[in-house]
Amino acid sequence: MSMLGKAAMSCASASVTLNIVAIALPFWYYYDSPHGFGTTYFGLWMTCSKYASVSTECNSFTIVPSYFDTVRALEILGLLLVAGAGVLGFLKMYAIKDNSIIPLVAGGLAFVAGLFMIIGAIVFSNNTITSAETGATLHAGFALAIVSGVVAFAATGLFVASNFIKVSP
């Protein structure tokens, strides 16, 4: 596999790592009370509250809005698809070196994965109220979901380019 293929696998691996962190973080939404009553933040799986800088209490969601299930599904599907793209890249590098369709399929998987990751973040942001005046903002987990989608798109371009441009190490 060419240097472009190795770069594509690196991008796919980075996208997987970033998306795992994004999915796990309880920092998709952050609200700091302007009156000093405390801070609340939540992710896809749990919510945390910190009252008057004393202690933080985190709990798993018992009831979630329906859009949470959509965001979770899109993010996890994106994660699985970009991981599949990385596996195909690995197979192309070490096992099935003469098959030229594999990088194109890997690129397609990475592209759809990037779409799912970014659409998941968009669904979350469209259903979450943010305001600079109240201190409610989208936070790190949300941003990492966007970045992982963009990195998956970079992997797409590199996988496809590796099929047509031969750059040796």
N, C-alpha and C. Protein backbone atom coordinates (compact mmCIF):
# COMPACT_ATOMS: atom_id res chain seq x y z
N MET A 1 0.86 -1.18 0.00
CA MET A 1 0.00 0.00 0.00
C MET A 1 0.90 1.23 0.00
N SER A 2 0.46 2.25 -0.66
CA SER A 2 1.25 3.46 -0.80
C SER A 2 1.23 4.30 0.48
N MET A 3 2.00 5.35 0.45
CA MET A 3 2.03 6.29 1.58
C MET A 3 0.65 6.92 1.79
N LEU A 4 -0.08 7.15 0.70
CA LEU A 4 -1.43 7.70 0.83
C LEU A 4 -2.35 6.73 1.56
N GLY A 5 -2.19 5.45 1.28
CA GLY A 5 -2.99 4.45 1.97
C GLY A 5 -2.67 4.40 3.46
N LYS A 6 -1.40 4.52 3.78
CA LYS A 6 -1.00 4.54 5.20
C LYS A 6 -1.53 5.80 5.88
N ALA A 7 -1.50 6.91 5.18
CA ALA A 7 -2.06 8.15 5.74
C ALA A 7 -3.57 8.02 5.93
N ALA A 8 -4.23 7.34 4.99
CA ALA A 8 -5.67 7.12 5.11
C ALA A 8 -5.98 6.27 6.33
N MET A 9 -5.18 5.23 6.55
CA MET A 9 -5.39 4.39 7.74
C MET A 9 -5.14 5.18 9.02
N SER A 10 -4.16 6.07 8.99
CA SER A 10 -3.90 6.92 10.15
C SER A 10 -5.09 7.84 10.42
N CYS A 11 -5.65 8.41 9.37
CA CYS A 11 -6.83 9.26 9.53
C CYS A 11 -8.02 8.46 10.05
N ALA A 12 -8.21 7.27 9.54
CA ALA A 12 -9.31 6.43 10.01
C ALA A 12 -9.12 6.09 11.49
N SER A 13 -7.89 5.78 11.88
CA SER A 13 -7.61 5.48 13.29
C SER A 13 -7.84 6.70 14.16
N ALA A 14 -7.42 7.85 13.69
CA ALA A 14 -7.64 9.08 14.45
C ALA A 14 -9.12 9.38 14.58
N SER A 15 -9.88 9.16 13.52
CA SER A 15 -11.32 9.40 13.56
C SER A 15 -12.00 8.46 14.56
N VAL A 16 -11.58 7.19 14.58
CA VAL A 16 -12.13 6.23 15.54
C VAL A 16 -11.85 6.70 16.96
N THR A 17 -10.60 7.08 17.22
CA THR A 17 -10.21 7.52 18.57
C THR A 17 -10.99 8.76 18.99
N LEU A 18 -11.06 9.75 18.12
CA LEU A 18 -11.78 10.97 18.45
C LEU A 18 -13.26 10.71 18.69
N ASN A 19 -13.85 9.82 17.89
CA ASN A 19 -15.27 9.55 18.06
C ASN A 19 -15.55 8.75 19.32
N ILE A 20 -14.66 7.84 19.69
CA ILE A 20 -14.83 7.12 20.96
C ILE A 20 -14.82 8.10 22.12
N VAL A 21 -13.87 9.02 22.10
CA VAL A 21 -13.79 10.02 23.17
C VAL A 21 -15.04 10.90 23.16
N ALA A 22 -15.47 11.31 21.97
CA ALA A 22 -16.67 12.16 21.87
C ALA A 22 -17.89 11.46 22.43
N ILE A 23 -18.08 10.20 22.08
CA ILE A 23 -19.24 9.46 22.55
C ILE A 23 -19.20 9.29 24.07
N ALA A 24 -18.02 9.09 24.62
CA ALA A 24 -17.89 8.81 26.05
C ALA A 24 -17.95 10.06 26.93
N LEU A 25 -17.54 11.20 26.40
CA LEU A 25 -17.47 12.41 27.23
C LEU A 25 -18.84 12.90 27.69
N PRO A 26 -18.94 13.34 28.94
CA PRO A 26 -20.20 13.95 29.40
C PRO A 26 -20.22 15.46 29.14
N PHE A 27 -19.47 15.91 28.15
CA PHE A 27 -19.37 17.34 27.86
C PHE A 27 -19.84 17.68 26.46
N TRP A 28 -21.08 17.32 26.13
CA TRP A 28 -21.65 17.76 24.86
C TRP A 28 -22.35 19.10 25.04
N TYR A 29 -22.87 19.31 26.21
CA TYR A 29 -23.61 20.54 26.53
C TYR A 29 -23.13 21.02 27.88
N TYR A 30 -22.95 22.33 28.00
CA TYR A 30 -22.42 22.90 29.24
C TYR A 30 -23.23 24.15 29.58
N TYR A 31 -23.69 24.19 30.81
CA TYR A 31 -24.47 25.34 31.27
C TYR A 31 -23.90 25.82 32.60
N ASP A 32 -23.46 27.06 32.60
CA ASP A 32 -22.95 27.68 33.82
C ASP A 32 -23.94 28.78 34.21
N SER A 33 -24.56 28.60 35.34
CA SER A 33 -25.59 29.55 35.79
C SER A 33 -24.99 30.95 35.95
N PRO A 34 -25.62 31.94 35.33
CA PRO A 34 -25.10 33.31 35.46
C PRO A 34 -25.26 33.86 36.88
N HIS A 35 -26.05 33.19 37.71
CA HIS A 35 -26.29 33.67 39.07
C HIS A 35 -25.43 32.94 40.09
N GLY A 36 -24.51 32.10 39.62
CA GLY A 36 -23.60 31.40 40.52
C GLY A 36 -24.20 30.22 41.25
N PHE A 37 -25.33 29.68 40.76
CA PHE A 37 -25.96 28.56 41.44
C PHE A 37 -25.28 27.23 41.13
N GLY A 38 -24.56 27.17 40.07
CA GLY A 38 -23.87 25.93 39.75
C GLY A 38 -23.70 25.73 38.26
N THR A 39 -23.16 24.58 37.94
CA THR A 39 -22.86 24.21 36.57
C THR A 39 -23.51 22.87 36.27
N THR A 40 -24.05 22.76 35.09
CA THR A 40 -24.62 21.50 34.63
C THR A 40 -24.02 21.18 33.27
N TYR A 41 -23.67 19.95 33.08
CA TYR A 41 -23.20 19.52 31.77
C TYR A 41 -23.64 18.08 31.55
N PHE A 42 -23.80 17.72 30.27
CA PHE A 42 -24.19 16.35 29.96
C PHE A 42 -23.66 15.94 28.61
N GLY A 43 -23.62 14.63 28.45
CA GLY A 43 -23.21 14.03 27.19
C GLY A 43 -24.32 13.12 26.70
N LEU A 44 -23.95 12.08 25.99
CA LEU A 44 -24.94 11.18 25.43
C LEU A 44 -25.41 10.13 26.44
N TRP A 45 -24.67 9.96 27.54
CA TRP A 45 -24.97 8.87 28.46
C TRP A 45 -25.23 9.33 29.89
N MET A 46 -24.71 10.49 30.28
CA MET A 46 -24.89 10.92 31.66
C MET A 46 -24.95 12.43 31.78
N THR A 47 -25.48 12.86 32.92
CA THR A 47 -25.56 14.28 33.23
C THR A 47 -24.83 14.53 34.55
N CYS A 48 -24.19 15.67 34.64
CA CYS A 48 -23.44 16.01 35.85
C CYS A 48 -23.82 17.42 36.29
N SER A 49 -23.83 17.60 37.60
CA SER A 49 -24.13 18.91 38.18
C SER A 49 -23.10 19.22 39.25
N LYS A 50 -22.67 20.47 39.26
CA LYS A 50 -21.72 20.94 40.26
C LYS A 50 -22.35 22.17 40.91
N TYR A 51 -22.58 22.09 42.20
CA TYR A 51 -23.27 23.16 42.91
C TYR A 51 -22.29 23.99 43.72
N ALA A 52 -22.24 25.28 43.45
CA ALA A 52 -21.45 26.25 44.21
C ALA A 52 -20.01 25.80 44.41
N SER A 53 -19.41 25.21 43.40
CA SER A 53 -18.01 24.79 43.42
C SER A 53 -17.67 23.83 44.55
N VAL A 54 -18.65 23.07 45.03
CA VAL A 54 -18.40 22.18 46.14
C VAL A 54 -18.14 20.76 45.65
N SER A 55 -19.12 20.13 45.06
CA SER A 55 -18.95 18.76 44.61
C SER A 55 -19.71 18.54 43.31
N THR A 56 -19.25 17.56 42.58
CA THR A 56 -19.89 17.22 41.32
C THR A 56 -20.61 15.89 41.48
N GLU A 57 -21.84 15.85 41.01
CA GLU A 57 -22.64 14.63 41.06
C GLU A 57 -23.03 14.25 39.63
N CYS A 58 -22.69 13.03 39.23
CA CYS A 58 -23.01 12.56 37.88
C CYS A 58 -23.94 11.36 37.97
N ASN A 59 -24.90 11.31 37.08
CA ASN A 59 -25.87 10.21 37.03
C ASN A 59 -26.14 9.84 35.58
N SER A 60 -26.40 8.55 35.37
CA SER A 60 -26.82 8.11 34.05
C SER A 60 -28.24 8.61 33.80
N PHE A 61 -28.55 8.83 32.55
CA PHE A 61 -29.90 9.25 32.21
C PHE A 61 -30.88 8.12 32.49
N THR A 62 -32.02 8.46 33.06
CA THR A 62 -33.07 7.46 33.22
C THR A 62 -34.09 7.61 32.10
N ILE A 63 -34.40 8.83 31.75
CA ILE A 63 -35.29 9.12 30.64
C ILE A 63 -34.57 10.12 29.74
N VAL A 64 -34.52 9.81 28.46
CA VAL A 64 -33.83 10.72 27.54
C VAL A 64 -34.79 11.15 26.44
N PRO A 65 -34.59 12.34 25.90
CA PRO A 65 -35.39 12.75 24.75
C PRO A 65 -35.12 11.81 23.57
N SER A 66 -36.08 11.68 22.69
CA SER A 66 -35.95 10.74 21.58
C SER A 66 -34.78 11.08 20.65
N TYR A 67 -34.43 12.35 20.55
CA TYR A 67 -33.32 12.69 19.66
C TYR A 67 -32.00 12.15 20.18
N PHE A 68 -31.88 11.89 21.47
CA PHE A 68 -30.66 11.30 22.01
C PHE A 68 -30.41 9.93 21.39
N ASP A 69 -31.46 9.13 21.23
CA ASP A 69 -31.30 7.82 20.61
C ASP A 69 -30.82 7.96 19.17
N THR A 70 -31.31 8.97 18.48
CA THR A 70 -30.88 9.22 17.10
C THR A 70 -29.41 9.60 17.07
N VAL A 71 -29.01 10.51 17.94
CA VAL A 71 -27.61 10.95 17.99
C VAL A 71 -26.71 9.78 18.36
N ARG A 72 -27.10 9.03 19.37
CA ARG A 72 -26.30 7.86 19.77
C ARG A 72 -26.13 6.89 18.60
N ALA A 73 -27.23 6.59 17.92
CA ALA A 73 -27.17 5.64 16.81
C ALA A 73 -26.28 6.16 15.69
N LEU A 74 -26.42 7.41 15.32
CA LEU A 74 -25.60 7.97 14.24
C LEU A 74 -24.12 7.97 14.61
N GLU A 75 -23.81 8.36 15.83
CA GLU A 75 -22.40 8.40 16.25
C GLU A 75 -21.80 6.99 16.31
N ILE A 76 -22.55 6.04 16.83
CA ILE A 76 -22.02 4.68 16.92
C ILE A 76 -21.91 4.04 15.54
N LEU A 77 -22.88 4.26 14.67
CA LEU A 77 -22.77 3.76 13.30
C LEU A 77 -21.57 4.38 12.58
N GLY A 78 -21.38 5.68 12.76
CA GLY A 78 -20.21 6.33 12.17
C GLY A 78 -18.92 5.72 12.68
N LEU A 79 -18.87 5.46 13.98
CA LEU A 79 -17.69 4.84 14.58
C LEU A 79 -17.42 3.47 13.97
N LEU A 80 -18.46 2.65 13.84
CA LEU A 80 -18.29 1.31 13.29
C LEU A 80 -17.89 1.35 11.82
N LEU A 81 -18.46 2.27 11.07
CA LEU A 81 -18.13 2.36 9.64
C LEU A 81 -16.69 2.82 9.41
N VAL A 82 -16.23 3.81 10.17
CA VAL A 82 -14.86 4.27 9.96
C VAL A 82 -13.87 3.21 10.48
N ALA A 83 -14.26 2.45 11.50
CA ALA A 83 -13.41 1.34 11.94
C ALA A 83 -13.34 0.28 10.84
N GLY A 84 -14.47 0.03 10.17
CA GLY A 84 -14.48 -0.90 9.05
C GLY A 84 -13.59 -0.43 7.91
N ALA A 85 -13.59 0.87 7.66
CA ALA A 85 -12.70 1.42 6.63
C ALA A 85 -11.24 1.17 7.01
N GLY A 86 -10.91 1.36 8.27
CA GLY A 86 -9.55 1.10 8.74
C GLY A 86 -9.17 -0.37 8.59
N VAL A 87 -10.10 -1.26 8.90
CA VAL A 87 -9.85 -2.70 8.74
C VAL A 87 -9.61 -3.05 7.28
N LEU A 88 -10.41 -2.48 6.39
CA LEU A 88 -10.19 -2.72 4.96
C LEU A 88 -8.83 -2.20 4.51
N GLY A 89 -8.43 -1.04 5.02
CA GLY A 89 -7.11 -0.52 4.70
C GLY A 89 -6.01 -1.45 5.19
N PHE A 90 -6.19 -1.99 6.39
CA PHE A 90 -5.23 -2.95 6.94
C PHE A 90 -5.16 -4.19 6.06
N LEU A 91 -6.33 -4.70 5.64
CA LEU A 91 -6.34 -5.87 4.76
C LEU A 91 -5.63 -5.58 3.44
N LYS A 92 -5.86 -4.41 2.89
CA LYS A 92 -5.20 -4.03 1.63
C LYS A 92 -3.69 -3.97 1.82
N MET A 93 -3.26 -3.50 2.98
CA MET A 93 -1.83 -3.35 3.21
C MET A 93 -1.13 -4.70 3.41
N TYR A 94 -1.78 -5.61 4.13
CA TYR A 94 -1.08 -6.83 4.53
C TYR A 94 -1.60 -8.13 3.92
N ALA A 95 -2.84 -8.20 3.50
CA ALA A 95 -3.38 -9.48 3.08
C ALA A 95 -3.78 -9.53 1.61
N ILE A 96 -4.53 -8.56 1.14
CA ILE A 96 -5.10 -8.60 -0.21
C ILE A 96 -4.51 -7.43 -1.01
N LYS A 97 -3.25 -7.54 -1.35
CA LYS A 97 -2.53 -6.42 -1.95
C LYS A 97 -2.92 -6.14 -3.40
N ASP A 98 -3.43 -7.12 -4.09
CA ASP A 98 -3.69 -6.93 -5.52
C ASP A 98 -5.12 -6.52 -5.85
N ASN A 99 -5.98 -6.35 -4.88
CA ASN A 99 -7.37 -5.98 -5.13
C ASN A 99 -7.52 -4.46 -5.09
N SER A 100 -7.85 -3.86 -6.24
CA SER A 100 -7.90 -2.39 -6.31
C SER A 100 -9.24 -1.81 -5.87
N ILE A 101 -10.23 -2.63 -5.61
CA ILE A 101 -11.53 -2.10 -5.19
C ILE A 101 -11.56 -1.80 -3.70
N ILE A 102 -10.70 -2.42 -2.93
CA ILE A 102 -10.72 -2.27 -1.47
C ILE A 102 -10.55 -0.82 -1.03
N PRO A 103 -9.60 -0.05 -1.56
CA PRO A 103 -9.50 1.35 -1.12
C PRO A 103 -10.74 2.17 -1.46
N LEU A 104 -11.40 1.85 -2.57
CA LEU A 104 -12.62 2.57 -2.93
C LEU A 104 -13.75 2.25 -1.96
N VAL A 105 -13.87 1.00 -1.57
CA VAL A 105 -14.89 0.61 -0.59
C VAL A 105 -14.57 1.25 0.76
N ALA A 106 -13.30 1.22 1.15
CA ALA A 106 -12.88 1.85 2.41
C ALA A 106 -13.19 3.34 2.38
N GLY A 107 -12.93 3.98 1.25
CA GLY A 107 -13.25 5.39 1.10
C GLY A 107 -14.74 5.65 1.22
N GLY A 108 -15.54 4.78 0.62
CA GLY A 108 -16.99 4.91 0.73
C GLY A 108 -17.47 4.76 2.17
N LEU A 109 -16.92 3.78 2.87
CA LEU A 109 -17.28 3.59 4.29
C LEU A 109 -16.89 4.81 5.11
N ALA A 110 -15.70 5.32 4.88
CA ALA A 110 -15.24 6.49 5.64
C ALA A 110 -16.11 7.71 5.34
N PHE A 111 -16.54 7.85 4.09
CA PHE A 111 -17.39 8.99 3.73
C PHE A 111 -18.74 8.91 4.45
N VAL A 112 -19.37 7.75 4.40
CA VAL A 112 -20.66 7.58 5.08
C VAL A 112 -20.49 7.75 6.58
N ALA A 113 -19.39 7.25 7.12
CA ALA A 113 -19.11 7.42 8.55
C ALA A 113 -19.01 8.90 8.92
N GLY A 114 -18.28 9.66 8.11
CA GLY A 114 -18.17 11.09 8.36
C GLY A 114 -19.52 11.78 8.31
N LEU A 115 -20.35 11.40 7.33
CA LEU A 115 -21.71 11.95 7.25
C LEU A 115 -22.50 11.64 8.52
N PHE A 116 -22.46 10.39 8.96
CA PHE A 116 -23.21 10.00 10.15
C PHE A 116 -22.73 10.78 11.38
N MET A 117 -21.42 10.91 11.53
CA MET A 117 -20.88 11.62 12.69
C MET A 117 -21.33 13.09 12.70
N ILE A 118 -21.23 13.73 11.56
CA ILE A 118 -21.59 15.15 11.50
C ILE A 118 -23.10 15.33 11.59
N ILE A 119 -23.87 14.47 10.96
CA ILE A 119 -25.33 14.57 11.07
C ILE A 119 -25.76 14.34 12.52
N GLY A 120 -25.11 13.40 13.22
CA GLY A 120 -25.41 13.19 14.63
C GLY A 120 -25.18 14.45 15.45
N ALA A 121 -24.08 15.13 15.19
CA ALA A 121 -23.79 16.38 15.90
C ALA A 121 -24.81 17.47 15.54
N ILE A 122 -25.22 17.51 14.28
CA ILE A 122 -26.22 18.50 13.85
C ILE A 122 -27.56 18.24 14.52
N VAL A 123 -27.97 16.98 14.59
CA VAL A 123 -29.22 16.64 15.27
C VAL A 123 -29.16 17.07 16.73
N PHE A 124 -28.03 16.83 17.38
CA PHE A 124 -27.88 17.24 18.77
C PHE A 124 -27.98 18.76 18.91
N SER A 125 -27.26 19.48 18.06
CA SER A 125 -27.25 20.95 18.19
C SER A 125 -28.60 21.56 17.86
N ASN A 126 -29.34 20.97 16.93
CA ASN A 126 -30.65 21.52 16.58
C ASN A 126 -31.70 21.28 17.65
N ASN A 127 -31.45 20.35 18.54
CA ASN A 127 -32.41 20.03 19.59
C ASN A 127 -31.96 20.51 20.97
N THR A 128 -30.87 21.25 21.02
CA THR A 128 -30.34 21.73 22.28
C THR A 128 -30.34 23.26 22.27
N ILE A 129 -30.82 23.84 23.32
CA ILE A 129 -30.89 25.30 23.41
C ILE A 129 -29.56 25.84 23.92
N THR A 130 -28.98 26.74 23.14
CA THR A 130 -27.75 27.40 23.56
C THR A 130 -27.96 28.91 23.53
N SER A 131 -27.24 29.58 24.38
CA SER A 131 -27.35 31.03 24.43
C SER A 131 -26.13 31.60 25.13
N ALA A 132 -25.50 32.55 24.50
CA ALA A 132 -24.35 33.20 25.12
C ALA A 132 -24.77 34.00 26.35
N GLU A 133 -25.99 34.50 26.34
CA GLU A 133 -26.46 35.30 27.47
C GLU A 133 -26.70 34.47 28.73
N THR A 134 -27.14 33.23 28.54
CA THR A 134 -27.42 32.38 29.70
C THR A 134 -26.24 31.50 30.08
N GLY A 135 -25.22 31.43 29.26
CA GLY A 135 -24.07 30.59 29.55
C GLY A 135 -24.21 29.16 29.06
N ALA A 136 -25.22 28.87 28.27
CA ALA A 136 -25.43 27.52 27.76
C ALA A 136 -24.71 27.37 26.42
N THR A 137 -23.80 26.40 26.35
CA THR A 137 -23.01 26.22 25.13
C THR A 137 -22.85 24.74 24.79
N LEU A 138 -22.60 24.49 23.53
CA LEU A 138 -22.17 23.16 23.10
C LEU A 138 -20.70 23.04 23.49
N HIS A 139 -20.27 21.82 23.82
CA HIS A 139 -18.95 21.71 24.44
C HIS A 139 -18.06 20.70 23.73
N ALA A 140 -17.08 20.16 24.42
CA ALA A 140 -15.99 19.38 23.84
C ALA A 140 -16.45 18.12 23.12
N GLY A 141 -17.36 17.34 23.69
CA GLY A 141 -17.81 16.12 23.04
C GLY A 141 -18.44 16.41 21.70
N PHE A 142 -19.24 17.46 21.65
CA PHE A 142 -19.87 17.89 20.41
C PHE A 142 -18.80 18.26 19.38
N ALA A 143 -17.82 19.04 19.81
CA ALA A 143 -16.75 19.46 18.90
C ALA A 143 -15.94 18.27 18.39
N LEU A 144 -15.66 17.32 19.27
CA LEU A 144 -14.90 16.15 18.85
C LEU A 144 -15.68 15.30 17.85
N ALA A 145 -17.00 15.26 17.98
CA ALA A 145 -17.81 14.53 17.00
C ALA A 145 -17.69 15.16 15.62
N ILE A 146 -17.70 16.49 15.58
CA ILE A 146 -17.52 17.21 14.30
C ILE A 146 -16.13 16.93 13.74
N VAL A 147 -15.11 17.06 14.58
CA VAL A 147 -13.73 16.85 14.12
C VAL A 147 -13.54 15.42 13.63
N SER A 148 -14.10 14.44 14.33
CA SER A 148 -13.94 13.05 13.89
C SER A 148 -14.60 12.83 12.54
N GLY A 149 -15.72 13.51 12.28
CA GLY A 149 -16.36 13.42 10.97
C GLY A 149 -15.50 14.04 9.88
N VAL A 150 -14.89 15.16 10.16
CA VAL A 150 -14.01 15.82 9.18
C VAL A 150 -12.78 14.95 8.89
N VAL A 151 -12.22 14.34 9.94
CA VAL A 151 -11.07 13.45 9.75
C VAL A 151 -11.48 12.22 8.94
N ALA A 152 -12.69 11.73 9.13
CA ALA A 152 -13.19 10.61 8.31
C ALA A 152 -13.28 11.02 6.84
N PHE A 153 -13.68 12.27 6.59
CA PHE A 153 -13.70 12.76 5.21
C PHE A 153 -12.29 12.82 4.62
N ALA A 154 -11.32 13.22 5.44
CA ALA A 154 -9.93 13.22 4.98
C ALA A 154 -9.48 11.79 4.64
N ALA A 155 -9.88 10.83 5.46
CA ALA A 155 -9.56 9.43 5.18
C ALA A 155 -10.17 9.00 3.86
N THR A 156 -11.39 9.47 3.59
CA THR A 156 -12.05 9.16 2.32
C THR A 156 -11.18 9.59 1.15
N GLY A 157 -10.79 10.85 1.17
CA GLY A 157 -9.96 11.37 0.07
C GLY A 157 -8.66 10.61 -0.08
N LEU A 158 -8.04 10.28 1.03
CA LEU A 158 -6.76 9.57 0.97
C LEU A 158 -6.93 8.12 0.49
N PHE A 159 -7.99 7.45 0.92
CA PHE A 159 -8.25 6.08 0.44
C PHE A 159 -8.47 6.08 -1.07
N VAL A 160 -9.30 6.99 -1.54
CA VAL A 160 -9.58 7.05 -2.98
C VAL A 160 -8.33 7.43 -3.76
N ALA A 161 -7.60 8.42 -3.27
CA ALA A 161 -6.36 8.84 -3.95
C ALA A 161 -5.34 7.71 -3.97
N SER A 162 -5.28 6.91 -2.92
CA SER A 162 -4.30 5.82 -2.87
C SER A 162 -4.58 4.77 -3.93
N ASN A 163 -5.80 4.72 -4.42
CA ASN A 163 -6.14 3.77 -5.46
C ASN A 163 -5.66 4.23 -6.83
N PHE A 164 -5.51 5.54 -6.99
CA PHE A 164 -5.15 6.09 -8.31
C PHE A 164 -3.74 6.67 -8.37
N ILE A 165 -3.22 7.10 -7.24
CA ILE A 165 -1.88 7.72 -7.21
C ILE A 165 -0.97 6.80 -6.42
N LYS A 166 0.08 6.36 -7.03
CA LYS A 166 1.01 5.46 -6.37
C LYS A 166 2.23 6.25 -5.86
N VAL A 167 2.28 6.43 -4.56
CA VAL A 167 3.40 7.11 -3.91
C VAL A 167 4.05 6.11 -2.99
N SER A 168 5.28 5.74 -3.27
CA SER A 168 5.97 4.73 -2.47
C SER A 168 6.67 5.39 -1.30
N PRO A 169 6.90 4.61 -0.22
CA PRO A 169 7.59 5.17 0.95
C PRO A 169 9.03 5.48 0.69
